[in-house]
Protein backbone atom coordinates (compact mmCIF):
# COMPACT_ATOMS: atom_id res chain seq x y z
CA MET A 1 8.26 -27.33 -0.08
CA ASP A 2 7.08 -23.71 -0.41
CA ALA A 3 8.71 -20.89 0.94
CA LEU A 4 7.36 -17.36 1.28
CA ILE A 5 10.02 -14.95 0.00
CA LEU A 6 10.73 -11.95 2.48
CA ARG A 7 13.14 -8.96 1.79
CA PHE A 8 14.41 -6.60 4.47
CA ASP A 9 15.48 -3.35 3.34
CA ALA A 10 15.78 -0.36 5.76
CA PRO A 11 17.58 2.33 6.96
CA LEU A 12 18.62 0.44 9.98
CA MET A 13 17.82 -2.85 11.27
CA SER A 14 18.97 -4.83 14.23
CA PHE A 15 18.53 -8.68 14.83
CA GLY A 16 19.57 -8.91 18.51
CA GLY A 17 22.34 -11.12 20.07
CA VAL A 18 23.88 -11.95 23.69
CA MET A 19 24.11 -8.59 25.47
CA VAL A 20 27.26 -7.50 27.17
CA ASP A 21 26.72 -5.28 29.71
CA GLN A 22 25.39 -1.96 28.37
CA HIS A 23 26.15 -3.22 24.38
CA ASN A 24 22.87 -4.37 22.89
CA VAL A 25 24.45 -5.91 20.40
CA THR A 26 23.09 -7.21 16.73
CA ASP A 27 23.69 -10.76 15.17
CA ARG A 28 24.96 -10.79 11.42
CA PHE A 29 21.79 -12.36 10.53
CA PRO A 30 17.95 -12.38 11.93
CA GLY A 31 17.09 -15.56 14.11
CA LEU A 32 14.14 -17.67 14.48
CA SER A 33 13.03 -15.31 17.04
CA LEU A 34 13.10 -12.47 15.14
CA PHE A 35 10.88 -13.94 12.24
CA ALA A 36 8.31 -15.38 14.87
CA GLY A 37 8.05 -12.45 16.51
CA LEU A 38 7.70 -10.43 13.22
CA LEU A 39 4.92 -13.11 12.09
CA ALA A 40 2.99 -13.02 15.51
CA ASN A 41 2.91 -9.24 15.36
CA ALA A 42 1.81 -9.25 11.59
CA LEU A 43 -0.93 -11.99 12.77
CA GLY A 44 -2.02 -9.70 15.83
CA TRP A 45 -0.56 -11.78 18.42
CA ARG A 46 0.30 -10.42 21.83
CA HIS A 47 2.87 -11.40 24.32
CA GLN A 48 0.64 -13.50 26.49
CA ASP A 49 -0.02 -15.74 23.45
CA PHE A 50 3.46 -17.00 24.28
CA GLU A 51 2.44 -20.72 23.55
CA ARG A 52 1.26 -20.06 20.04
CA ILE A 53 4.36 -17.66 19.44
CA GLY A 54 6.71 -20.39 20.76
CA ARG A 55 5.00 -23.16 18.84
CA LEU A 56 5.05 -20.75 15.43
CA GLN A 57 9.22 -20.51 16.27
CA ASP A 58 9.69 -24.45 16.30
CA ARG A 59 8.18 -24.88 13.12
CA LEU A 60 9.96 -22.14 11.30
CA LEU A 61 12.70 -23.20 8.53
CA VAL A 62 14.67 -20.21 7.22
CA ALA A 63 17.62 -19.36 4.95
CA CYS A 64 18.70 -15.83 4.55
CA ARG A 65 21.37 -14.00 2.62
CA TRP A 66 22.83 -10.38 2.53
CA ASP A 67 22.30 -9.13 -1.13
CA ILE A 68 23.49 -5.58 -0.19
CA LEU A 69 25.84 -5.81 3.09
CA GLY A 70 24.90 -3.50 5.76
CA GLU A 71 27.29 -1.38 7.37
CA ALA A 72 27.54 -1.81 11.17
CA ILE A 73 27.10 1.33 13.09
CA GLU A 74 26.67 1.93 16.57
CA ASP A 75 24.36 4.36 18.46
CA TYR A 76 25.38 5.79 21.76
CA HIS A 77 22.64 7.01 24.49
CA THR A 78 22.21 7.70 28.11
CA VAL A 79 19.26 8.04 30.30
CA ASP A 80 19.34 10.04 33.69
CA LEU A 81 17.32 8.04 36.38
CA GLY A 82 18.28 10.83 38.76
CA GLN A 83 15.36 13.14 37.00
CA PRO A 84 12.64 14.21 39.12
CA LYS A 85 9.77 12.22 36.88
CA MET A 86 12.29 9.18 37.04
CA ARG A 87 11.99 9.22 40.79
CA GLU A 88 8.40 10.38 41.60
CA LYS A 89 5.33 7.90 41.48
CA GLY A 90 2.87 7.64 38.18
CA TRP A 91 5.60 6.66 35.48
CA THR A 92 5.18 3.30 35.65
CA THR A 93 1.73 0.91 34.60
CA ARG A 94 1.77 0.20 38.33
CA GLY A 95 1.89 3.55 39.50
CA GLU A 96 4.86 3.16 41.38
CA PRO A 97 8.57 3.64 40.39
CA GLU A 98 11.06 1.27 39.64
CA HIS A 99 14.69 1.23 40.30
CA ARG A 100 17.58 -1.30 40.07
CA ASP A 101 19.04 -2.54 43.44
CA GLY A 102 22.28 -1.30 44.82
CA GLY A 103 23.84 1.95 45.44
CA PRO A 104 22.76 5.49 44.71
CA ASP A 105 24.62 5.28 41.43
CA ALA A 106 22.95 2.12 40.26
CA LYS A 107 19.25 3.55 41.27
CA PHE A 108 19.60 7.05 40.32
CA GLY A 109 22.74 7.74 38.20
CA THR A 110 23.21 8.72 34.34
CA HIS A 111 23.68 5.34 32.32
CA GLN A 112 25.23 4.71 29.14
CA ARG A 113 23.68 2.37 26.46
CA TYR A 114 25.09 1.28 23.12
CA ARG A 115 22.91 -0.05 20.45
CA HIS A 116 24.42 -1.74 17.32
CA TYR A 117 22.67 -1.90 13.87
CA TRP A 118 23.15 -2.46 10.30
CA ALA A 119 22.76 0.50 8.08
CA ASN A 120 21.45 0.70 4.70
CA GLY A 121 21.66 -3.17 3.69
CA VAL A 122 18.95 -5.69 1.94
CA LEU A 123 18.81 -8.79 3.17
CA THR A 124 16.31 -11.55 1.42
CA SER A 125 15.31 -14.76 3.18
CA ALA A 126 13.17 -17.96 2.56
CA LEU A 127 11.09 -18.67 5.22
CA ALA A 128 9.04 -22.54 5.31
CA VAL A 129 7.23 -24.03 7.98
CA GLY A 130 7.08 -27.48 9.26
CA ASP A 131 3.87 -29.38 9.74
CA ALA A 132 2.19 -27.62 6.85
CA ASP A 133 -1.52 -28.05 7.51
CA GLU A 134 -1.18 -26.73 11.32
CA THR A 135 -2.43 -23.18 11.51
CA PRO A 136 -1.04 -20.54 10.65
CA THR A 137 -0.49 -22.15 7.81
CA LEU A 138 2.12 -20.65 4.86
CA ALA A 139 -1.19 -18.76 3.19
CA GLU A 140 -2.41 -17.35 6.30
CA LEU A 141 1.51 -16.01 7.35
CA GLY A 142 1.60 -14.54 3.77
CA ALA A 143 -1.81 -12.78 3.94
CA ALA A 144 -0.76 -11.49 7.26
CA LEU A 145 2.33 -9.99 5.87
CA ARG A 146 0.45 -8.66 3.03
CA ARG A 147 -1.84 -6.82 5.54
CA PRO A 148 -0.50 -6.60 9.09
CA ALA A 149 -2.67 -6.22 12.13
CA ARG A 150 0.16 -3.48 13.45
CA PRO A 151 2.95 -1.85 11.66
CA LEU A 152 6.17 -3.99 11.05
CA PHE A 153 9.54 -3.44 12.30
CA LEU A 154 12.84 -5.12 11.90
CA GLY A 155 14.17 -6.13 15.20
CA ARG A 156 13.62 -2.74 16.83
CA LYS A 157 10.44 -0.66 16.82
CA THR A 158 12.74 2.26 15.49
CA CYS A 159 13.82 0.01 12.52
CA LEU A 160 10.97 0.29 9.55
CA PRO A 161 11.03 -1.16 6.63
CA SER A 162 11.30 0.77 3.54
CA ALA A 163 9.38 -1.36 1.15
CA PRO A 164 6.97 -4.42 1.82
CA VAL A 165 8.61 -7.30 3.58
CA LEU A 166 6.72 -9.95 1.56
CA ILE A 167 7.64 -10.27 -2.24
CA GLY A 168 6.40 -13.60 -3.43
CA ARG A 169 6.30 -17.08 -2.69
CA GLN A 170 8.09 -19.64 -4.24
CA ALA A 171 8.67 -23.63 -4.52
CA GLY A 172 11.60 -25.43 -4.56
CA ALA A 173 13.80 -28.89 -2.74
CA ASP A 174 14.43 -26.76 0.48
CA VAL A 175 15.00 -23.22 1.64
CA LEU A 176 18.28 -23.26 0.96
CA ALA A 177 17.73 -24.24 -2.93
CA ILE A 178 14.86 -21.74 -2.84
CA LEU A 179 16.93 -19.02 -1.79
CA GLN A 180 19.18 -19.69 -4.19
CA ALA A 181 17.04 -19.00 -7.12
CA VAL A 182 15.48 -15.87 -5.54
CA PRO A 183 16.95 -13.02 -7.87
CA ARG A 184 19.00 -10.69 -5.97
CA ALA A 185 17.97 -6.97 -5.05
CA ILE A 186 19.83 -4.38 -7.13
CA CYS A 187 20.64 -0.72 -5.81
CA PRO A 188 22.91 1.14 -8.30
CA GLN A 189 23.99 3.35 -5.18
CA ARG A 190 24.87 0.40 -2.90
CA PRO A 191 27.87 -1.74 -4.62
CA ALA A 192 26.89 -5.86 -4.25
CA THR A 193 29.89 -8.35 -4.03
CA ALA A 194 30.13 -11.37 -6.28
CA SER A 195 28.75 -13.44 -3.48
CA MET A 196 26.45 -12.83 -0.67
CA PRO A 197 26.98 -13.65 2.82
CA ALA A 198 24.53 -16.36 3.81
CA ARG A 199 23.13 -18.52 6.80
CA TRP A 200 21.03 -21.51 6.32
CA PRO A 201 19.76 -24.70 8.58
CA ALA A 202 23.39 -26.84 8.70
CA ASP A 203 21.77 -29.81 7.42
CA LEU A 204 21.10 -28.32 4.13
CA GLY A 205 23.72 -28.10 1.27
CA GLN A 206 27.23 -28.64 1.30
CA ALA A 207 28.48 -26.92 3.99
CA GLN A 208 31.97 -27.53 5.17
CA GLU A 209 32.60 -28.08 8.79
CA ALA A 210 34.70 -24.76 9.31
CA GLN A 211 31.24 -22.59 8.47
CA ILE A 212 29.05 -24.66 10.95
CA HIS A 213 28.34 -23.53 14.22
CA PRO A 214 25.34 -23.00 17.15
CA VAL A 215 23.62 -19.91 17.22
CA TYR A 216 21.25 -18.83 20.26
CA ASP A 217 18.36 -17.35 18.44
CA GLN A 218 15.35 -19.32 19.98
CA ARG A 219 13.30 -17.21 22.58
CA ASP A 220 11.47 -18.61 25.69
CA TRP A 221 8.32 -16.34 25.43
CA LYS A 222 6.77 -16.98 28.52
CA ASN A 223 9.66 -15.84 30.22
CA GLN A 224 10.78 -13.25 27.95
CA TRP A 225 14.67 -14.37 27.37
CA HIS A 226 16.73 -15.98 24.64
CA ALA A 227 16.79 -20.02 25.05
CA GLY A 228 17.85 -22.66 23.19
CA SER A 229 20.68 -23.16 20.61
CA ARG A 230 20.74 -24.87 16.99
CA GLN A 231 23.49 -25.70 14.38
CA VAL A 232 23.45 -23.38 11.08
CA ALA A 233 26.10 -22.74 8.50
CA GLU A 234 27.37 -19.61 7.01
CA GLY A 235 29.33 -18.72 4.15
CA PRO A 236 29.30 -17.26 0.65
CA LEU A 237 26.14 -17.96 -1.68
CA VAL A 238 26.07 -17.38 -5.60
CA GLU A 239 22.77 -16.79 -6.85
CA MET A 240 21.71 -19.77 -8.66
CA PRO A 241 18.93 -18.70 -11.48
CA PRO A 242 16.27 -21.72 -12.16
CA CYS A 243 16.82 -23.43 -15.49
CA SER A 244 14.71 -22.50 -18.24
């Protein structure tokens, strides 16, 4: 199997998760929908290409690890829906104001939002695709990441990578074995632990039962909501350089 090696190195990253009230949470690891969206953006696809994006998401095989564990931070901000510009016509693409149902507070009150991020972390992933001859191929995905059609971001548009996302291509038995063989990112300013927190498909490796759990990281791209789950394993991963 061949896989692209992606490295997320950014001041802020956010991987999405199940939203609770006004909290836009972040998962510990990027999900399949994030990788599908990242690749679709690099290819220049649009939201209306939901069938292509969904098919690409179905083909993805990914293993991830934190080379440098990010710090969890929370961003607090508000929006005042009662401002004149929010009440008048013209600020939406339809030319009509849009408000929530409910009483005056819901429609025109000040709403609080909490957005969660990982700060100053470095995450490495091995990404492969099933049905290797189907387009886009792994080579086409790599070319798109090297010269993306649009600027790339890691979860939210404010989360810009500080270095190229694609760092190489490597072969191995599966995405977990490939990830273990990739040298760890080193940053003297950010201390590293002996082992790296990691997530990989549950059917790979020798995961213990306690390490396996479901994640809800797949997106219905037509209706723009999260749908579908899969089993993954999470646990410590130690770098295993290939034999010379």
